[in-house]
């Protein structure tokens, strides 16, 4: 049994970097966040967008977001 720890109201990219968001001049750099998330999910071979809300993903896709989060560290 595995419990997911994603925030369904946030995007895939926001969930991947939650708590460790890339910053520029102290402000979250959303472009870099989306770009890096896109690279990570591409490495996993999945096709959903880094900008997609997690709530729109299937359970399997949500598990892949968890894996992407682990790969981002």
Foldseek 3Di string as FASTA:
>chain_A
DDDFDADQQAFLLCRLCPPNADDDPRHRDVVVSQVLLVVLVVVVVDDDGSRHRNNPDDPVVSVVSVVSSVVVD
